[in-house]
């Protein structure tokens, strides 16, 4: 691979953040809620939180829904990748190091499923078609 990076650089703040994240379940829940609230910069006007019963095994499921800009498949892959954050360049957002979503979902449950819908290939609301993505 020409120009491939054969090592990873990690900022010490990332390591500290990862080591101390979500000792408390409510902190993990707050992280997920913060992610939904960050979507205000993409036009979100509401966040809906609910606890549902899984009909298969009667376990509880946490649902956090917002009406923000959504994610196309590339953004979904990045969202599910540890250490990736687009928010590091967006002012007034919480996520900076790309580990909160992953560590909070691991703290709260055995699995996570993300459903997303966005307009067009780049997530612009004025595009004429929808792209739907699922991440697990």
N, C-alpha and C. Protein backbone atom coordinates (compact mmCIF):
# COMPACT_ATOMS: atom_id res chain seq x y z
N UNK A 1 0.83 -1.17 0.00
CA UNK A 1 0.00 0.00 0.00
C UNK A 1 0.87 1.24 0.00
N UNK A 2 0.74 2.02 -0.99
CA UNK A 2 1.54 3.23 -1.09
C UNK A 2 0.97 4.30 -0.16
N UNK A 3 1.78 4.84 0.70
CA UNK A 3 1.36 5.90 1.61
C UNK A 3 0.55 5.43 2.81
N UNK A 4 0.52 4.12 3.07
CA UNK A 4 -0.24 3.60 4.20
C UNK A 4 0.44 3.95 5.51
N UNK A 5 -0.35 4.16 6.52
CA UNK A 5 0.17 4.45 7.86
C UNK A 5 0.32 3.12 8.59
N UNK A 6 1.51 2.86 9.12
CA UNK A 6 1.73 1.59 9.80
C UNK A 6 1.71 1.72 11.32
N UNK A 7 1.27 2.85 11.82
CA UNK A 7 1.17 3.04 13.26
C UNK A 7 0.00 3.97 13.56
N UNK A 8 -0.34 4.04 14.82
CA UNK A 8 -1.45 4.88 15.24
C UNK A 8 -0.95 5.87 16.28
N UNK A 9 -1.37 7.11 16.14
CA UNK A 9 -1.06 8.12 17.15
C UNK A 9 -2.31 8.36 17.98
N UNK A 10 -2.14 8.32 19.27
CA UNK A 10 -3.27 8.54 20.18
C UNK A 10 -2.88 9.63 21.16
N UNK A 11 -3.73 10.61 21.25
CA UNK A 11 -3.51 11.72 22.18
C UNK A 11 -3.68 11.21 23.61
N UNK A 12 -2.84 11.65 24.54
CA UNK A 12 -2.97 11.20 25.94
C UNK A 12 -4.35 11.47 26.53
N UNK A 13 -5.01 12.55 26.11
CA UNK A 13 -6.36 12.83 26.62
C UNK A 13 -7.35 11.75 26.19
N UNK A 14 -7.14 11.18 25.00
CA UNK A 14 -8.00 10.08 24.55
C UNK A 14 -7.82 8.88 25.47
N UNK A 15 -6.60 8.54 25.78
CA UNK A 15 -6.34 7.39 26.65
C UNK A 15 -6.96 7.59 28.02
N UNK A 16 -6.83 8.78 28.57
CA UNK A 16 -7.43 9.07 29.87
C UNK A 16 -8.94 9.01 29.79
N UNK A 17 -9.51 9.60 28.76
CA UNK A 17 -10.95 9.59 28.57
C UNK A 17 -11.48 8.17 28.46
N UNK A 18 -10.80 7.33 27.71
CA UNK A 18 -11.23 5.95 27.52
C UNK A 18 -11.11 5.15 28.81
N UNK A 19 -10.05 5.38 29.56
CA UNK A 19 -9.82 4.62 30.79
C UNK A 19 -10.82 4.96 31.89
N UNK A 20 -11.35 6.17 31.88
CA UNK A 20 -12.22 6.60 32.97
C UNK A 20 -13.68 6.74 32.55
N UNK A 21 -14.00 6.32 31.34
CA UNK A 21 -15.35 6.56 30.85
C UNK A 21 -16.37 5.59 31.42
N UNK A 22 -17.50 6.12 31.76
CA UNK A 22 -18.71 5.38 32.09
C UNK A 22 -18.56 4.38 33.22
N UNK A 23 -18.01 4.85 34.34
CA UNK A 23 -17.98 4.02 35.53
C UNK A 23 -19.39 3.86 36.09
N UNK A 24 -20.27 4.77 35.72
CA UNK A 24 -21.63 4.81 36.23
C UNK A 24 -22.57 4.68 35.04
N UNK A 25 -23.60 3.86 35.13
CA UNK A 25 -24.53 3.64 34.02
C UNK A 25 -25.20 4.93 33.57
N UNK A 26 -25.52 5.82 34.51
CA UNK A 26 -26.16 7.08 34.12
C UNK A 26 -25.21 7.96 33.30
N UNK A 27 -23.91 7.84 33.53
CA UNK A 27 -22.94 8.56 32.70
C UNK A 27 -22.95 8.05 31.27
N UNK A 28 -23.10 6.74 31.11
CA UNK A 28 -23.19 6.15 29.78
C UNK A 28 -24.47 6.60 29.08
N UNK A 29 -25.57 6.62 29.82
CA UNK A 29 -26.83 7.11 29.26
C UNK A 29 -26.71 8.57 28.85
N UNK A 30 -26.07 9.37 29.69
CA UNK A 30 -25.87 10.80 29.38
C UNK A 30 -25.07 10.98 28.10
N UNK A 31 -24.08 10.12 27.88
CA UNK A 31 -23.28 10.17 26.65
C UNK A 31 -24.15 9.98 25.42
N UNK A 32 -25.03 9.00 25.45
CA UNK A 32 -25.92 8.75 24.31
C UNK A 32 -26.89 9.90 24.11
N UNK A 33 -27.38 10.46 25.20
CA UNK A 33 -28.27 11.61 25.10
C UNK A 33 -27.52 12.82 24.54
N UNK A 34 -26.28 13.03 24.98
CA UNK A 34 -25.46 14.12 24.44
C UNK A 34 -25.27 13.99 22.93
N UNK A 35 -25.05 12.76 22.45
CA UNK A 35 -24.90 12.56 21.01
C UNK A 35 -26.15 12.99 20.26
N UNK A 36 -27.31 12.65 20.80
CA UNK A 36 -28.56 13.05 20.15
C UNK A 36 -28.72 14.57 20.20
N UNK A 37 -28.38 15.17 21.33
CA UNK A 37 -28.51 16.63 21.46
C UNK A 37 -27.53 17.37 20.54
N UNK A 38 -26.37 16.77 20.28
CA UNK A 38 -25.41 17.36 19.34
C UNK A 38 -25.99 17.50 17.94
N UNK A 39 -27.02 16.75 17.63
CA UNK A 39 -27.62 16.82 16.29
C UNK A 39 -28.40 18.11 16.07
N UNK A 40 -28.50 18.96 17.09
CA UNK A 40 -29.13 20.27 16.89
C UNK A 40 -28.39 21.06 15.81
N UNK A 41 -27.07 20.85 15.69
CA UNK A 41 -26.30 21.55 14.65
C UNK A 41 -26.65 21.03 13.26
N UNK A 42 -27.34 19.88 13.17
CA UNK A 42 -27.79 19.33 11.89
C UNK A 42 -29.30 19.44 11.73
N UNK A 43 -29.90 20.32 12.49
CA UNK A 43 -31.33 20.59 12.34
C UNK A 43 -32.26 19.83 13.26
N UNK A 44 -31.74 19.05 14.20
CA UNK A 44 -32.62 18.30 15.10
C UNK A 44 -33.44 19.25 15.95
N UNK A 45 -34.70 18.92 16.11
CA UNK A 45 -35.59 19.72 16.93
C UNK A 45 -36.17 18.94 18.11
N UNK A 46 -35.93 17.61 18.14
CA UNK A 46 -36.40 16.84 19.29
C UNK A 46 -35.53 15.61 19.51
N UNK A 47 -35.57 15.13 20.74
CA UNK A 47 -34.96 13.85 21.13
C UNK A 47 -36.03 13.09 21.89
N UNK A 48 -36.23 11.83 21.53
CA UNK A 48 -37.22 10.98 22.19
C UNK A 48 -36.50 9.81 22.84
N UNK A 49 -36.73 9.62 24.13
CA UNK A 49 -36.12 8.52 24.89
C UNK A 49 -37.23 7.60 25.37
N UNK A 50 -37.02 6.30 25.21
CA UNK A 50 -38.04 5.33 25.61
C UNK A 50 -37.36 4.04 26.06
N UNK A 51 -38.05 3.28 26.90
CA UNK A 51 -37.64 1.93 27.28
C UNK A 51 -38.69 0.98 26.73
N UNK A 52 -38.24 0.02 25.94
CA UNK A 52 -39.14 -0.92 25.28
C UNK A 52 -38.86 -2.33 25.76
N UNK A 53 -39.83 -3.22 25.57
CA UNK A 53 -39.64 -4.64 25.86
C UNK A 53 -39.35 -5.39 24.57
N UNK A 54 -38.31 -6.21 24.60
CA UNK A 54 -38.00 -7.07 23.48
C UNK A 54 -38.97 -8.25 23.53
N UNK A 55 -39.77 -8.41 22.50
CA UNK A 55 -40.77 -9.49 22.49
C UNK A 55 -40.14 -10.87 22.48
N UNK A 56 -38.93 -10.98 21.96
CA UNK A 56 -38.27 -12.28 21.84
C UNK A 56 -37.92 -12.87 23.21
N UNK A 57 -37.30 -12.06 24.09
CA UNK A 57 -36.88 -12.59 25.38
C UNK A 57 -37.32 -11.72 26.56
N UNK A 58 -38.20 -10.77 26.31
CA UNK A 58 -38.77 -9.89 27.33
C UNK A 58 -37.73 -9.05 28.07
N UNK A 59 -36.57 -8.81 27.44
CA UNK A 59 -35.55 -7.93 28.00
C UNK A 59 -35.90 -6.48 27.70
N UNK A 60 -35.39 -5.58 28.52
CA UNK A 60 -35.59 -4.15 28.31
C UNK A 60 -34.62 -3.64 27.24
N UNK A 61 -35.09 -2.70 26.43
CA UNK A 61 -34.27 -2.05 25.41
C UNK A 61 -34.41 -0.55 25.58
N UNK A 62 -33.31 0.15 25.45
CA UNK A 62 -33.30 1.61 25.52
C UNK A 62 -33.33 2.15 24.09
N UNK A 63 -34.21 3.09 23.84
CA UNK A 63 -34.32 3.71 22.51
C UNK A 63 -34.10 5.21 22.66
N UNK A 64 -33.14 5.74 21.89
CA UNK A 64 -32.90 7.18 21.85
C UNK A 64 -33.00 7.59 20.39
N UNK A 65 -33.93 8.48 20.11
CA UNK A 65 -34.23 8.88 18.73
C UNK A 65 -34.16 10.40 18.61
N UNK A 66 -33.56 10.87 17.52
CA UNK A 66 -33.58 12.31 17.22
C UNK A 66 -33.95 12.50 15.76
N UNK A 67 -34.26 13.71 15.40
CA UNK A 67 -34.59 14.01 14.00
C UNK A 67 -33.51 14.88 13.36
N UNK A 68 -32.26 14.56 13.65
CA UNK A 68 -31.13 15.31 13.08
C UNK A 68 -30.84 14.91 11.64
N UNK A 69 -29.64 15.21 11.19
CA UNK A 69 -29.28 15.01 9.78
C UNK A 69 -29.09 13.58 9.35
N UNK A 70 -28.90 12.65 10.28
CA UNK A 70 -28.72 11.25 9.92
C UNK A 70 -27.32 10.96 9.43
N UNK A 71 -27.09 9.70 9.08
CA UNK A 71 -25.77 9.26 8.62
C UNK A 71 -25.92 8.43 7.35
N UNK A 72 -25.04 8.69 6.40
CA UNK A 72 -24.98 7.83 5.22
C UNK A 72 -24.13 6.60 5.61
N UNK A 73 -24.01 5.59 4.74
CA UNK A 73 -23.26 4.38 5.13
C UNK A 73 -21.81 4.65 5.56
N UNK A 74 -21.12 5.59 4.90
CA UNK A 74 -19.74 5.90 5.29
C UNK A 74 -19.68 6.50 6.69
N UNK A 75 -20.56 7.42 6.99
CA UNK A 75 -20.61 8.02 8.33
C UNK A 75 -20.98 6.98 9.38
N UNK A 76 -21.86 6.05 9.02
CA UNK A 76 -22.25 4.98 9.95
C UNK A 76 -21.03 4.11 10.28
N UNK A 77 -20.24 3.72 9.28
CA UNK A 77 -19.04 2.92 9.52
C UNK A 77 -18.10 3.67 10.46
N UNK A 78 -17.94 4.96 10.21
CA UNK A 78 -17.04 5.76 11.05
C UNK A 78 -17.59 5.89 12.47
N UNK A 79 -18.89 6.03 12.60
CA UNK A 79 -19.52 6.12 13.92
C UNK A 79 -19.24 4.87 14.74
N UNK A 80 -19.21 3.73 14.09
CA UNK A 80 -19.00 2.46 14.77
C UNK A 80 -17.52 2.14 14.97
N UNK A 81 -16.61 2.99 14.50
CA UNK A 81 -15.17 2.76 14.61
C UNK A 81 -14.61 3.52 15.80
N UNK A 82 -13.92 2.82 16.68
CA UNK A 82 -13.34 3.43 17.87
C UNK A 82 -12.29 4.47 17.48
N UNK A 83 -12.39 5.63 18.07
CA UNK A 83 -11.40 6.68 17.86
C UNK A 83 -11.71 7.65 16.75
N UNK A 84 -12.82 7.46 16.05
CA UNK A 84 -13.16 8.38 14.97
C UNK A 84 -14.23 9.35 15.45
N UNK A 85 -14.02 10.64 15.22
CA UNK A 85 -15.02 11.64 15.56
C UNK A 85 -14.99 12.78 14.56
N UNK A 86 -16.13 13.04 13.93
CA UNK A 86 -16.25 14.21 13.07
C UNK A 86 -16.51 15.45 13.92
N UNK A 87 -16.91 15.26 15.16
CA UNK A 87 -17.28 16.37 16.02
C UNK A 87 -16.08 17.18 16.51
N UNK A 88 -14.88 16.64 16.35
CA UNK A 88 -13.71 17.37 16.85
C UNK A 88 -13.53 18.70 16.14
N UNK A 89 -14.14 18.86 14.97
CA UNK A 89 -14.03 20.10 14.22
C UNK A 89 -15.31 20.93 14.25
N UNK A 90 -16.33 20.46 14.97
CA UNK A 90 -17.62 21.16 15.04
C UNK A 90 -17.73 21.84 16.40
N UNK A 91 -17.84 23.17 16.42
CA UNK A 91 -17.93 23.86 17.71
C UNK A 91 -19.21 23.52 18.46
N UNK A 92 -19.14 23.59 19.78
CA UNK A 92 -20.28 23.40 20.68
C UNK A 92 -20.86 22.00 20.64
N UNK A 93 -20.07 20.99 20.30
CA UNK A 93 -20.54 19.61 20.38
C UNK A 93 -19.73 18.88 21.46
N UNK A 94 -20.30 17.81 21.95
CA UNK A 94 -19.70 17.09 23.07
C UNK A 94 -18.58 16.16 22.61
N UNK A 95 -18.84 15.31 21.63
CA UNK A 95 -17.90 14.27 21.21
C UNK A 95 -16.64 14.82 20.58
N UNK A 96 -15.50 14.44 21.10
CA UNK A 96 -14.24 14.94 20.56
C UNK A 96 -13.27 13.81 20.23
N UNK A 97 -13.36 12.68 20.92
CA UNK A 97 -12.35 11.65 20.78
C UNK A 97 -12.84 10.38 20.09
N UNK A 98 -14.12 10.27 19.83
CA UNK A 98 -14.63 9.13 19.08
C UNK A 98 -14.73 7.83 19.85
N UNK A 99 -14.90 7.92 21.17
CA UNK A 99 -15.05 6.67 21.92
C UNK A 99 -16.31 6.64 22.78
N UNK A 100 -16.99 7.74 22.98
CA UNK A 100 -18.13 7.79 23.89
C UNK A 100 -19.28 6.90 23.49
N UNK A 101 -19.67 6.93 22.23
CA UNK A 101 -20.78 6.10 21.77
C UNK A 101 -20.47 4.62 21.99
N UNK A 102 -19.28 4.22 21.58
CA UNK A 102 -18.90 2.82 21.69
C UNK A 102 -18.81 2.35 23.14
N UNK A 103 -18.13 3.11 23.98
CA UNK A 103 -17.97 2.69 25.37
C UNK A 103 -19.29 2.77 26.14
N UNK A 104 -20.13 3.74 25.83
CA UNK A 104 -21.41 3.84 26.55
C UNK A 104 -22.35 2.71 26.19
N UNK A 105 -22.39 2.32 24.91
CA UNK A 105 -23.26 1.21 24.54
C UNK A 105 -22.75 -0.11 25.12
N UNK A 106 -21.42 -0.26 25.20
CA UNK A 106 -20.87 -1.47 25.82
C UNK A 106 -21.17 -1.51 27.31
N UNK A 107 -21.20 -0.34 27.95
CA UNK A 107 -21.48 -0.27 29.39
C UNK A 107 -22.94 -0.60 29.69
N UNK A 108 -23.85 -0.19 28.79
CA UNK A 108 -25.28 -0.33 29.06
C UNK A 108 -25.88 -1.66 28.63
N UNK A 109 -25.32 -2.30 27.62
CA UNK A 109 -25.97 -3.51 27.14
C UNK A 109 -25.04 -4.41 26.37
N UNK A 110 -25.59 -5.54 25.95
CA UNK A 110 -24.81 -6.53 25.23
C UNK A 110 -24.72 -6.23 23.74
N UNK A 111 -25.60 -5.38 23.23
CA UNK A 111 -25.65 -5.13 21.79
C UNK A 111 -26.21 -3.74 21.53
N UNK A 112 -25.93 -3.24 20.34
CA UNK A 112 -26.49 -1.96 19.91
C UNK A 112 -26.85 -2.06 18.44
N UNK A 113 -27.97 -1.45 18.08
CA UNK A 113 -28.36 -1.35 16.68
C UNK A 113 -28.68 0.12 16.42
N UNK A 114 -28.09 0.65 15.36
CA UNK A 114 -28.32 2.06 14.99
C UNK A 114 -29.03 2.09 13.65
N UNK A 115 -30.16 2.77 13.60
CA UNK A 115 -30.89 2.99 12.36
C UNK A 115 -30.75 4.46 12.02
N UNK A 116 -30.48 4.75 10.76
CA UNK A 116 -30.31 6.15 10.37
C UNK A 116 -30.87 6.38 8.97
N UNK A 117 -31.38 7.57 8.76
CA UNK A 117 -31.87 7.98 7.45
C UNK A 117 -31.37 9.39 7.19
N UNK A 118 -30.81 9.61 6.03
CA UNK A 118 -30.36 10.96 5.68
C UNK A 118 -30.76 11.28 4.25
N UNK A 119 -30.70 12.54 3.93
CA UNK A 119 -31.03 13.00 2.58
C UNK A 119 -29.78 13.01 1.73
N UNK A 120 -29.85 12.42 0.55
CA UNK A 120 -28.75 12.48 -0.41
C UNK A 120 -27.50 11.78 0.08
N UNK A 121 -26.43 11.87 -0.69
CA UNK A 121 -25.20 11.18 -0.35
C UNK A 121 -24.41 11.87 0.74
N UNK A 122 -24.60 13.17 0.90
CA UNK A 122 -23.81 13.90 1.90
C UNK A 122 -24.64 14.33 3.11
N UNK A 123 -25.89 13.87 3.20
CA UNK A 123 -26.72 14.17 4.36
C UNK A 123 -27.44 15.50 4.30
N UNK A 124 -27.38 16.20 3.17
CA UNK A 124 -28.08 17.48 3.05
C UNK A 124 -29.58 17.24 3.02
N UNK A 125 -30.29 18.06 3.75
CA UNK A 125 -31.75 17.91 3.84
C UNK A 125 -32.47 18.24 2.54
N UNK A 126 -31.85 18.99 1.63
CA UNK A 126 -32.55 19.40 0.42
C UNK A 126 -32.39 18.42 -0.73
N UNK A 127 -31.71 17.30 -0.52
CA UNK A 127 -31.58 16.29 -1.57
C UNK A 127 -32.94 15.63 -1.80
N UNK A 128 -33.12 15.02 -2.96
CA UNK A 128 -34.43 14.49 -3.33
C UNK A 128 -34.64 13.02 -3.01
N UNK A 129 -33.72 12.39 -2.34
CA UNK A 129 -33.88 10.97 -2.02
C UNK A 129 -33.28 10.69 -0.64
N UNK A 130 -33.73 9.59 -0.04
CA UNK A 130 -33.25 9.19 1.29
C UNK A 130 -32.28 8.04 1.18
N UNK A 131 -31.31 8.01 2.07
CA UNK A 131 -30.40 6.88 2.23
C UNK A 131 -30.62 6.36 3.63
N UNK A 132 -30.84 5.06 3.76
CA UNK A 132 -31.05 4.45 5.06
C UNK A 132 -29.88 3.53 5.38
N UNK A 133 -29.42 3.57 6.62
CA UNK A 133 -28.27 2.78 7.05
C UNK A 133 -28.59 2.09 8.37
N UNK A 134 -28.01 0.92 8.55
CA UNK A 134 -28.14 0.19 9.81
C UNK A 134 -26.74 -0.21 10.25
N UNK A 135 -26.43 0.03 11.51
CA UNK A 135 -25.13 -0.37 12.07
C UNK A 135 -25.34 -1.22 13.30
N UNK A 136 -24.46 -2.17 13.48
CA UNK A 136 -24.55 -3.04 14.66
C UNK A 136 -23.17 -3.29 15.21
